[in-house]
Amino acid sequence: MTTGNSAPTMPPGRGRGAWRCRTRRGLATGAAVLVAAVLAAPVPAGAAEHCPGADRARVPGAQYQISACLPDLTTAGTVASGHTDPADYAGLAATGTRNPSGVPGLQIDGYFPDSSTTNTEHGWEHDAQFVLRLPDRWNGGLVVTGAPGNRHQYSLDDTISDWALAAGYAYAATDKGNTGADFWRDGRRPGDAIAEWNRRVTQLTVAAKATLVAHYRQPVRRTLMTGLSNGGYLTRWQLENHPQLYDAGIDWEGTLLRADGPNLLTYLPTALRAYPGYASTADPAAHRAMLRAGFAPGSEFLWPFHYQYYWDLTQRVYRAEFDPGYSPDDPAGTPFCTSGTPHCDADYDYASRPASVHRAMRRVQLTGRIGKPLITLQGTLDSLLPIATDSDEYARLVAAHGRGQLYRYYRIADGNHVDGLYDSFPQRLRPILPCYRAAFSAMTRWLDDHVDTPPPSGTVPGRRAAPTW
């Protein structure tokens, strides 16, 4: 398997295609100009009154919804008013992140019919929960996302919602229909829980568009799909399978699922098996095994954290989703089991598992056959989804389907899976959020004027290099 190290270095931005990814002044970005312009724009017709059309904002298909006209839809206001859940987005952003605030509008919380009950937000104990935010100053656009990991619908409030709202977009997010470490128990067949993630995003997108038309009495001008981690997977899947619903997408550290590999189950067992030997004795053979599995050289300082918090749990719950029969007495397996014990996930061999397991993965796999413009961002030091087994591979899939003209792939040197780790390693990591916001602005210009295309795909220089790209 190739490591993708041959990817070109990103050239400096030139002419109309220039855009910037800065980490100076906290985590402010060069894209702040877009936000400032929207906030300074005149109030559109019909929006002089706070929350105009609130009585018309009904979400089609929702089993239950509640609405609140809020003075500020961003986390600066919703934390105090109880219209978000800070625990849901804890650890995803660096503490130096600076967000806009002061966006009045209407928030709608609710849920679609569902039989599972893992999401306890609002005391509802009901899955398929969603949040819609409709700013008074609307630019005609909609941003749709799904929760990263197995979090709830508020998990991207301080990384995506705040910034999108300040730029004038309405915002819609779903919990994906099941949450928590036991998400795999939802559904009747292996793969059902993840298949529901995709259905719920499609359902919310259609319902949100109808809600916006009724609320603003104007058509939706632009719909962007975006997300982090599993939300990046959802972005890829939607642009492959329902491109007619969206104008473009921005994929941030998206998860790659492929029936024939690579996928989480092809490299995480190696990490669980090899890392203990590397950690205890610096065994060179164990180190080589980690690198062959796809983990990037130079990411070793991140491995202790990922072993403790990510690799074991992620391997077991995703394996339980696709292959519960591997550990029949306890489908979720035994935490941190020692290699050699029966049914230990450290010894899991995806390639040798029954065809039914691969069929379950194929139901939700990605193909690279995108139908609308997509920007992918991934950190070179991602130690949960190694870049060599994830976005490098996805970029090859897109190219193999002849969709390269719709695609830009930026490898963010020194970036990690979540920006929260930047606080622990500020001299070694680079937060990706500024690059994400720059990519968002570049995408809007790409859509506004097809001549103003983003720079070619490549590697964005590391934190010690010039940050302009």
Protein backbone atom coordinates (compact mmCIF):
# COMPACT_ATOMS: atom_id res chain seq x y z
CA MET A 1 0.00 0.00 0.00
CA THR A 2 1.34 3.41 -0.90
CA THR A 3 1.68 6.14 1.67
CA GLY A 4 0.76 9.05 -0.54
CA ASN A 5 4.08 10.76 0.20
CA SER A 6 4.41 11.62 -3.48
CA ALA A 7 1.59 14.15 -3.30
CA PRO A 8 2.78 17.55 -4.54
CA THR A 9 3.38 20.44 -2.19
CA MET A 10 0.66 23.06 -2.40
CA PRO A 11 1.89 26.00 -4.48
CA PRO A 12 1.37 29.51 -3.14
CA GLY A 13 -2.08 30.87 -3.99
CA ARG A 14 -2.06 32.94 -7.14
CA GLY A 15 -4.56 35.27 -8.72
CA ARG A 16 -8.24 34.56 -8.19
CA GLY A 17 -7.54 31.05 -6.92
CA ALA A 18 -5.61 32.23 -3.85
CA TRP A 19 -6.93 31.43 -0.41
CA ARG A 20 -5.33 31.31 3.00
CA CYS A 21 -5.14 28.99 5.96
CA ARG A 22 -3.79 30.84 8.99
CA THR A 23 -3.33 29.90 12.63
CA ARG A 24 -2.12 33.26 13.85
CA ARG A 25 -4.10 35.41 16.29
CA GLY A 26 -5.65 32.47 18.03
CA LEU A 27 -7.40 30.47 15.34
CA ALA A 28 -8.74 33.36 13.27
CA THR A 29 -8.82 32.79 9.53
CA GLY A 30 -8.47 34.75 6.35
CA ALA A 31 -12.06 33.74 5.59
CA ALA A 32 -13.29 36.14 8.28
CA VAL A 33 -13.83 38.71 5.53
CA LEU A 34 -16.75 36.66 4.23
CA VAL A 35 -18.39 36.61 7.66
CA ALA A 36 -17.87 40.33 8.17
CA ALA A 37 -19.40 41.11 4.79
CA VAL A 38 -22.54 39.13 5.57
CA LEU A 39 -22.96 40.69 9.00
CA ALA A 40 -22.59 44.16 7.49
CA ALA A 41 -25.05 43.50 4.67
CA PRO A 42 -28.51 45.10 4.66
CA VAL A 43 -31.29 43.06 6.23
CA PRO A 44 -33.15 41.26 3.42
CA ALA A 45 -36.75 42.05 2.68
CA GLY A 46 -39.08 40.49 5.21
CA ALA A 47 -36.39 40.08 7.86
CA ALA A 48 -36.69 43.40 9.64
CA GLU A 49 -38.77 41.71 12.30
CA HIS A 50 -36.95 39.19 14.51
CA CYS A 51 -37.79 35.60 13.51
CA PRO A 52 -40.17 36.46 10.66
CA GLY A 53 -42.25 33.52 9.54
CA ALA A 54 -41.65 31.52 12.70
CA ASP A 55 -45.23 30.26 12.58
CA ARG A 56 -44.61 28.81 9.11
CA ALA A 57 -41.49 26.86 10.09
CA ARG A 58 -42.78 23.33 10.24
CA VAL A 59 -40.39 20.46 9.52
CA PRO A 60 -42.06 17.96 7.15
CA GLY A 61 -42.08 14.44 8.53
CA ALA A 62 -41.03 15.41 12.05
CA GLN A 63 -42.79 13.51 14.80
CA TYR A 64 -42.12 16.30 17.26
CA GLN A 65 -40.58 19.77 17.15
CA ILE A 66 -40.17 22.83 19.36
CA SER A 67 -39.14 26.30 18.23
CA ALA A 68 -37.38 29.17 19.96
CA CYS A 69 -36.77 32.69 18.68
CA LEU A 70 -33.27 33.44 20.00
CA PRO A 71 -31.20 36.64 20.15
CA ASP A 72 -28.11 34.61 19.26
CA LEU A 73 -28.04 31.25 17.49
CA THR A 74 -24.28 30.80 17.99
CA THR A 75 -22.79 29.04 20.99
CA ALA A 76 -22.12 32.43 22.59
CA GLY A 77 -25.87 32.57 23.13
CA THR A 78 -27.10 28.99 23.04
CA VAL A 79 -24.86 27.73 25.83
CA ALA A 80 -26.50 30.17 28.22
CA SER A 81 -30.01 29.62 26.86
CA GLY A 82 -29.73 25.83 26.89
CA HIS A 83 -30.11 25.42 23.13
CA THR A 84 -26.89 23.47 22.71
CA ASP A 85 -24.93 20.88 24.66
CA PRO A 86 -21.25 21.75 25.21
CA ALA A 87 -20.53 18.16 26.27
CA ASP A 88 -21.49 17.08 22.78
CA TYR A 89 -18.69 19.05 21.12
CA ALA A 90 -16.08 18.77 23.89
CA GLY A 91 -12.59 17.97 22.62
CA LEU A 92 -13.19 18.68 18.94
CA ALA A 93 -11.78 22.22 18.79
CA ALA A 94 -8.66 23.84 20.19
CA THR A 95 -9.27 26.15 23.14
CA GLY A 96 -7.94 29.13 21.18
CA THR A 97 -10.72 28.87 18.60
CA ARG A 98 -12.41 32.19 17.93
CA ASN A 99 -16.00 32.09 16.76
CA PRO A 100 -18.37 34.81 15.56
CA SER A 101 -21.48 35.60 17.58
CA GLY A 102 -24.57 37.78 17.56
CA VAL A 103 -26.71 35.96 14.98
CA PRO A 104 -30.43 36.28 15.84
CA GLY A 105 -32.90 33.81 14.44
CA LEU A 106 -35.10 30.77 14.95
CA GLN A 107 -33.96 27.41 16.31
CA ILE A 108 -36.04 24.28 15.78
CA ASP A 109 -35.29 21.10 17.73
CA GLY A 110 -37.13 17.87 17.13
CA TYR A 111 -37.03 14.29 15.96
CA PHE A 112 -38.28 12.11 13.15
CA PRO A 113 -40.08 8.81 13.85
CA ASP A 114 -37.61 6.18 15.04
CA SER A 115 -37.65 3.07 17.21
CA SER A 116 -34.26 3.47 18.92
CA THR A 117 -33.71 5.50 22.08
CA THR A 118 -29.98 6.14 22.57
CA ASN A 119 -30.13 9.95 22.31
CA THR A 120 -31.16 11.45 25.67
CA GLU A 121 -30.93 15.15 24.69
CA HIS A 122 -33.88 17.14 26.11
CA GLY A 123 -34.86 14.04 28.08
CA TRP A 124 -36.56 12.72 24.96
CA GLU A 125 -34.76 9.34 24.82
CA HIS A 126 -35.50 9.26 21.12
CA ASP A 127 -33.14 8.96 18.17
CA ALA A 128 -33.27 10.73 14.80
CA GLN A 129 -33.06 14.05 16.61
CA PHE A 130 -32.18 17.14 14.62
CA VAL A 131 -31.54 20.84 15.04
CA LEU A 132 -32.35 23.55 12.48
CA ARG A 133 -31.12 27.12 12.83
CA LEU A 134 -32.63 29.82 10.65
CA PRO A 135 -30.86 33.20 10.88
CA ASP A 136 -32.78 36.42 10.36
CA ARG A 137 -30.13 37.53 7.86
CA TRP A 138 -30.29 34.65 5.42
CA ASN A 139 -28.07 34.41 2.36
CA GLY A 140 -30.26 31.81 0.66
CA GLY A 141 -27.98 28.93 1.59
CA LEU A 142 -28.20 25.80 3.73
CA VAL A 143 -25.40 23.85 5.44
CA VAL A 144 -26.24 20.23 6.33
CA THR A 145 -24.15 17.93 8.51
CA GLY A 146 -24.25 14.79 10.61
CA ALA A 147 -22.59 14.07 13.93
CA PRO A 148 -18.94 12.96 14.00
CA GLY A 149 -18.16 9.78 15.87
CA ASN A 150 -21.30 8.67 17.69
CA ARG A 151 -22.18 12.07 19.12
CA HIS A 152 -25.40 14.03 19.00
CA GLN A 153 -26.76 16.79 16.78
CA TYR A 154 -24.95 19.63 18.61
CA SER A 155 -21.46 18.17 18.14
CA LEU A 156 -20.37 20.63 15.42
CA ASP A 157 -21.93 23.74 16.90
CA ASP A 158 -18.66 25.51 17.72
CA THR A 159 -16.70 24.30 14.66
CA ILE A 160 -19.25 24.56 11.83
CA SER A 161 -22.61 25.96 12.98
CA ASP A 162 -21.34 29.24 14.48
CA TRP A 163 -19.31 30.14 11.44
CA ALA A 164 -21.93 29.06 8.88
CA LEU A 165 -24.65 31.05 10.65
CA ALA A 166 -22.51 34.17 10.79
CA ALA A 167 -21.92 33.82 7.05
CA GLY A 168 -25.69 33.86 6.52
CA TYR A 169 -26.39 30.17 6.04
CA ALA A 170 -29.19 28.21 7.67
CA TYR A 171 -27.82 25.16 9.47
CA ALA A 172 -29.19 21.63 9.86
CA ALA A 173 -27.64 18.74 11.81
CA THR A 174 -28.74 15.22 12.67
CA ASP A 175 -27.67 12.67 15.27
CA LYS A 176 -27.68 10.14 12.37
CA GLY A 177 -30.40 7.98 13.95
CA ASN A 178 -28.30 6.23 16.62
CA THR A 179 -25.66 7.38 19.08
CA GLY A 180 -23.13 6.20 21.65
CA ALA A 181 -20.85 3.19 21.82
CA ASP A 182 -23.80 0.82 21.40
CA PHE A 183 -24.92 2.39 18.12
CA TRP A 184 -24.33 -0.96 16.41
CA ARG A 185 -27.27 -2.52 18.25
CA ASP A 186 -29.66 -0.45 16.12
CA GLY A 187 -31.19 -2.32 13.20
CA ARG A 188 -31.75 -5.96 12.38
CA ARG A 189 -28.84 -6.75 10.04
CA PRO A 190 -25.12 -6.02 10.13
CA GLY A 191 -24.58 -2.61 8.56
CA ASP A 192 -28.11 -1.37 9.31
CA ALA A 193 -27.01 1.26 11.84
CA ILE A 194 -24.60 2.96 9.44
CA ALA A 195 -27.03 2.65 6.55
CA GLU A 196 -29.46 4.62 8.72
CA TRP A 197 -26.89 7.41 9.09
CA ASN A 198 -27.09 8.04 5.37
CA ARG A 199 -30.89 7.86 5.27
CA ARG A 200 -31.20 10.34 8.11
CA VAL A 201 -28.98 12.90 6.37
CA THR A 202 -31.03 12.57 3.19
CA GLN A 203 -34.25 12.87 5.18
CA LEU A 204 -33.06 15.98 7.01
CA THR A 205 -31.78 17.64 3.84
CA VAL A 206 -35.12 17.27 2.07
CA ALA A 207 -37.08 18.40 5.14
CA ALA A 208 -34.78 21.33 5.88
CA LYS A 209 -35.08 22.67 2.34
CA ALA A 210 -38.87 22.57 2.55
CA THR A 211 -38.78 24.27 5.93
CA LEU A 212 -36.60 27.10 4.62
CA VAL A 213 -38.88 27.73 1.66
CA ALA A 214 -41.89 27.95 3.96
CA HIS A 215 -40.10 30.10 6.53
CA TYR A 216 -38.40 32.62 4.23
CA ARG A 217 -40.83 32.36 1.28
CA GLN A 218 -37.85 32.17 -1.02
CA PRO A 219 -36.18 29.23 -2.76
CA VAL A 220 -33.01 27.75 -1.32
CA ARG A 221 -30.21 29.10 -3.49
CA ARG A 222 -27.41 26.77 -2.37
CA THR A 223 -27.04 23.60 -0.28
CA LEU A 224 -23.67 22.47 1.08
CA MET A 225 -23.05 19.10 2.70
CA THR A 226 -20.16 18.97 5.14
CA GLY A 227 -18.84 17.22 8.21
CA LEU A 228 -15.97 15.97 10.33
CA SER A 229 -14.88 12.32 10.65
CA ASN A 230 -18.08 10.28 10.25
CA GLY A 231 -19.61 13.53 9.05
CA GLY A 232 -16.97 13.57 6.32
CA TYR A 233 -18.01 10.03 5.38
CA LEU A 234 -21.62 11.22 5.19
CA THR A 235 -20.55 14.09 2.95
CA ARG A 236 -18.80 11.77 0.53
CA TRP A 237 -21.71 9.31 0.51
CA GLN A 238 -24.33 11.99 -0.15
CA LEU A 239 -22.39 13.50 -3.05
CA GLU A 240 -21.98 10.02 -4.52
CA ASN A 241 -25.57 8.86 -4.03
CA HIS A 242 -27.75 11.99 -3.90
CA PRO A 243 -25.82 14.73 -5.69
CA GLN A 244 -29.09 16.29 -6.87
CA LEU A 245 -29.74 17.49 -3.31
CA TYR A 246 -26.51 19.47 -2.97
CA ASP A 247 -24.39 22.00 -4.76
CA ALA A 248 -21.08 20.93 -3.19
CA GLY A 249 -19.45 19.38 -0.15
CA ILE A 250 -16.52 19.85 2.22
CA ASP A 251 -15.16 16.67 3.77
CA TRP A 252 -13.02 17.07 6.89
CA GLU A 253 -11.16 13.90 7.93
CA GLY A 254 -13.86 11.66 6.47
CA THR A 255 -13.97 7.95 7.31
CA LEU A 256 -13.31 5.58 4.41
CA LEU A 257 -15.34 2.38 4.28
CA ARG A 258 -14.53 -0.10 1.50
CA ALA A 259 -15.76 -3.68 1.26
CA ASP A 260 -12.41 -4.86 -0.07
CA GLY A 261 -10.44 -2.47 2.13
CA PRO A 262 -9.04 -0.31 3.31
CA ASN A 263 -11.38 0.39 6.19
CA LEU A 264 -11.16 0.72 9.95
CA LEU A 265 -11.14 -3.05 10.37
CA THR A 266 -8.11 -3.59 8.14
CA TYR A 267 -5.59 -1.55 10.14
CA LEU A 268 -6.87 -1.05 13.70
CA PRO A 269 -6.22 -4.70 14.69
CA THR A 270 -2.58 -4.16 13.76
CA ALA A 271 -2.44 -1.14 16.06
CA LEU A 272 -3.99 -3.10 18.94
CA ARG A 273 -1.62 -5.99 18.39
CA ALA A 274 1.63 -4.13 17.69
CA TYR A 275 1.44 -1.00 19.82
CA PRO A 276 1.85 -2.68 23.26
CA GLY A 277 5.19 -4.14 22.16
CA TYR A 278 6.31 -0.84 20.71
CA ALA A 279 5.28 1.02 23.88
CA SER A 280 6.91 -1.37 26.34
CA THR A 281 10.17 -2.23 24.61
CA ALA A 282 10.37 0.00 21.53
CA ASP A 283 10.33 -3.23 19.53
CA PRO A 284 11.46 -2.26 16.00
CA ALA A 285 9.36 -5.04 14.46
CA ALA A 286 6.26 -3.64 16.15
CA HIS A 287 7.16 -0.17 14.91
CA ARG A 288 7.54 -1.45 11.36
CA ALA A 289 4.17 -3.18 11.62
CA MET A 290 2.52 0.09 12.63
CA LEU A 291 4.03 1.93 9.70
CA ARG A 292 3.09 -0.84 7.25
CA ALA A 293 -0.49 -0.61 8.52
CA GLY A 294 -0.52 3.03 7.40
CA PHE A 295 0.29 5.04 10.51
CA ALA A 296 2.47 7.97 9.51
CA PRO A 297 6.12 8.26 10.51
CA GLY A 298 6.34 11.13 12.95
CA SER A 299 2.93 10.43 14.48
CA GLU A 300 4.35 8.17 17.20
CA PHE A 301 3.86 10.80 19.93
CA LEU A 302 0.10 10.54 19.33
CA TRP A 303 -0.10 6.77 19.61
CA PRO A 304 -0.39 6.49 23.44
CA PHE A 305 -3.50 8.70 23.45
CA HIS A 306 -5.09 6.87 20.55
CA TYR A 307 -4.38 3.47 22.05
CA GLN A 308 -6.03 4.50 25.30
CA TYR A 309 -9.06 6.33 23.93
CA TYR A 310 -9.68 5.54 20.26
CA TRP A 311 -8.27 2.40 18.71
CA ASP A 312 -9.74 -0.28 20.98
CA LEU A 313 -13.26 1.13 21.26
CA THR A 314 -13.45 2.06 17.59
CA GLN A 315 -12.30 -1.38 16.43
CA ARG A 316 -14.72 -3.24 18.65
CA VAL A 317 -17.90 -1.24 17.98
CA TYR A 318 -17.40 -1.04 14.22
CA ARG A 319 -16.51 -4.70 14.07
CA ALA A 320 -19.70 -5.42 16.06
CA GLU A 321 -21.65 -3.41 13.47
CA PHE A 322 -20.38 -5.43 10.52
CA ASP A 323 -19.33 -8.73 12.10
CA PRO A 324 -21.09 -9.47 15.43
CA GLY A 325 -20.50 -13.19 14.91
CA TYR A 326 -16.76 -12.85 15.45
CA SER A 327 -17.33 -12.64 19.20
CA PRO A 328 -20.62 -14.53 19.62
CA ASP A 329 -20.82 -14.41 23.42
CA ASP A 330 -20.33 -10.65 23.47
CA PRO A 331 -20.62 -9.00 20.04
CA ALA A 332 -18.79 -5.86 21.24
CA GLY A 333 -15.79 -7.91 22.33
CA THR A 334 -13.43 -7.56 25.28
CA PRO A 335 -11.74 -4.20 25.88
CA PHE A 336 -7.94 -4.24 25.55
CA CYS A 337 -7.78 -8.00 25.23
CA THR A 338 -4.37 -9.60 24.83
CA SER A 339 -3.47 -10.99 21.44
CA GLY A 340 -3.94 -14.75 21.50
CA THR A 341 -7.06 -14.83 23.66
CA PRO A 342 -10.18 -16.21 21.93
CA HIS A 343 -12.14 -13.74 19.80
CA CYS A 344 -9.74 -10.91 20.59
CA ASP A 345 -10.09 -7.91 18.29
CA ALA A 346 -6.32 -7.49 18.26
CA ASP A 347 -6.25 -10.67 16.14
CA TYR A 348 -9.16 -9.77 13.90
CA ASP A 349 -8.48 -10.49 10.21
CA TYR A 350 -11.07 -8.74 8.07
CA ALA A 351 -9.84 -10.31 4.82
CA SER A 352 -10.55 -13.84 6.07
CA ARG A 353 -14.01 -13.16 7.45
CA PRO A 354 -17.14 -14.57 5.75
CA ALA A 355 -18.53 -13.00 2.59
CA SER A 356 -21.54 -11.80 4.58
CA VAL A 357 -19.26 -9.40 6.49
CA HIS A 358 -17.95 -7.90 3.26
CA ARG A 359 -21.49 -7.64 1.89
CA ALA A 360 -22.53 -5.68 4.99
CA MET A 361 -19.64 -3.27 4.41
CA ARG A 362 -20.47 -3.00 0.71
CA ARG A 363 -23.95 -1.71 1.54
CA VAL A 364 -22.44 1.48 2.95
CA GLN A 365 -19.11 1.70 1.17
CA LEU A 366 -17.78 4.72 -0.68
CA THR A 367 -16.94 4.57 -4.37
CA GLY A 368 -15.44 7.95 -5.26
CA ARG A 369 -18.15 8.53 -7.88
CA ILE A 370 -19.01 12.05 -6.70
CA GLY A 371 -21.57 14.08 -8.62
CA LYS A 372 -20.87 17.56 -7.27
CA PRO A 373 -17.73 19.55 -6.31
CA LEU A 374 -16.01 18.25 -3.19
CA ILE A 375 -13.06 19.47 -1.12
CA THR A 376 -11.35 16.96 1.20
CA LEU A 377 -9.07 17.99 4.07
CA GLN A 378 -7.06 15.52 6.12
CA GLY A 379 -4.13 15.89 8.49
CA THR A 380 -0.94 14.01 7.68
CA LEU A 381 -0.61 12.96 11.35
CA ASP A 382 -4.15 11.63 11.73
CA SER A 383 -3.69 8.60 13.98
CA LEU A 384 -7.28 7.39 14.01
CA LEU A 385 -7.82 7.42 10.25
CA PRO A 386 -4.29 7.26 8.85
CA ILE A 387 -4.07 9.41 5.75
CA ALA A 388 -2.41 6.62 3.74
CA THR A 389 -5.38 4.29 4.26
CA ASP A 390 -8.06 6.96 4.06
CA SER A 391 -8.07 10.17 2.04
CA ASP A 392 -5.09 9.19 -0.11
CA GLU A 393 -7.12 6.14 -1.12
CA TYR A 394 -10.32 8.12 -1.56
CA ALA A 395 -8.57 10.58 -3.87
CA ARG A 396 -7.49 7.62 -6.01
CA LEU A 397 -11.08 6.39 -6.15
CA VAL A 398 -12.30 9.78 -7.32
CA ALA A 399 -9.60 9.90 -10.00
CA ALA A 400 -10.38 6.33 -11.12
CA HIS A 401 -13.96 7.38 -11.82
CA GLY A 402 -12.83 10.39 -13.84
CA ARG A 403 -14.27 12.90 -11.36
CA GLY A 404 -11.06 14.81 -10.71
CA GLN A 405 -12.43 18.02 -12.20
CA LEU A 406 -14.94 18.10 -9.33
CA TYR A 407 -12.40 17.38 -6.60
CA ARG A 408 -9.73 19.08 -4.53
CA TYR A 409 -7.76 17.17 -1.90
CA TYR A 410 -5.59 19.04 0.60
CA ARG A 411 -3.25 17.10 2.88
CA ILE A 412 -2.73 19.33 5.93
CA ALA A 413 0.84 18.81 7.17
CA ASP A 414 0.97 18.32 10.97
CA GLY A 415 -2.82 18.09 11.19
CA ASN A 416 -4.47 15.49 13.41
CA HIS A 417 -7.94 13.93 13.51
CA VAL A 418 -9.37 16.39 16.04
CA ASP A 419 -8.09 19.86 16.87
CA GLY A 420 -8.57 19.30 20.59
CA LEU A 421 -5.18 17.57 20.70
CA TYR A 422 -3.51 20.78 19.56
CA ASP A 423 -3.77 22.01 23.17
CA SER A 424 -1.55 19.14 24.31
CA PHE A 425 0.98 19.42 21.47
CA PRO A 426 1.01 23.04 20.26
CA GLN A 427 4.59 22.76 19.05
CA ARG A 428 3.95 19.61 17.03
CA LEU A 429 0.41 19.85 15.66
CA ARG A 430 -1.48 22.26 13.48
CA PRO A 431 -5.23 22.87 13.93
CA ILE A 432 -7.23 22.15 10.79
CA LEU A 433 -10.21 24.40 11.56
CA PRO A 434 -8.64 27.52 9.95
CA CYS A 435 -7.98 25.47 6.83
CA TYR A 436 -11.55 24.17 6.89
CA ARG A 437 -12.95 27.70 7.01
CA ALA A 438 -10.65 28.78 4.21
CA ALA A 439 -11.83 25.77 2.19
CA PHE A 440 -15.45 26.74 2.86
CA SER A 441 -14.81 30.22 1.47
CA ALA A 442 -12.93 28.81 -1.52
CA MET A 443 -15.84 26.50 -2.26
CA THR A 444 -18.32 29.38 -2.26
CA ARG A 445 -16.14 31.26 -4.75
CA TRP A 446 -15.83 28.11 -6.86
CA LEU A 447 -19.62 27.89 -7.03
CA ASP A 448 -20.13 31.62 -7.57
CA ASP A 449 -17.63 31.83 -10.42
CA HIS A 450 -16.41 28.62 -12.02
CA VAL A 451 -13.31 30.48 -13.19
CA ASP A 452 -12.24 31.13 -9.60
CA THR A 453 -11.25 27.55 -8.84
CA PRO A 454 -9.32 26.51 -5.71
CA PRO A 455 -5.61 25.73 -6.01
CA PRO A 456 -4.65 22.27 -7.27
CA SER A 457 -4.74 19.36 -4.85
CA GLY A 458 -1.59 18.89 -2.80
CA THR A 459 0.03 19.18 0.60
CA VAL A 460 -0.46 22.35 2.64
CA PRO A 461 2.93 23.09 4.27
CA GLY A 462 3.34 22.41 7.99
CA ARG A 463 3.01 24.79 10.88
CA ARG A 464 6.59 26.06 10.50
CA ALA A 465 6.12 26.82 6.80
CA ALA A 466 4.40 29.78 5.20
CA PRO A 467 0.68 29.24 5.88
CA THR A 468 -0.65 30.94 2.74
CA TRP A 469 -2.05 28.57 0.12
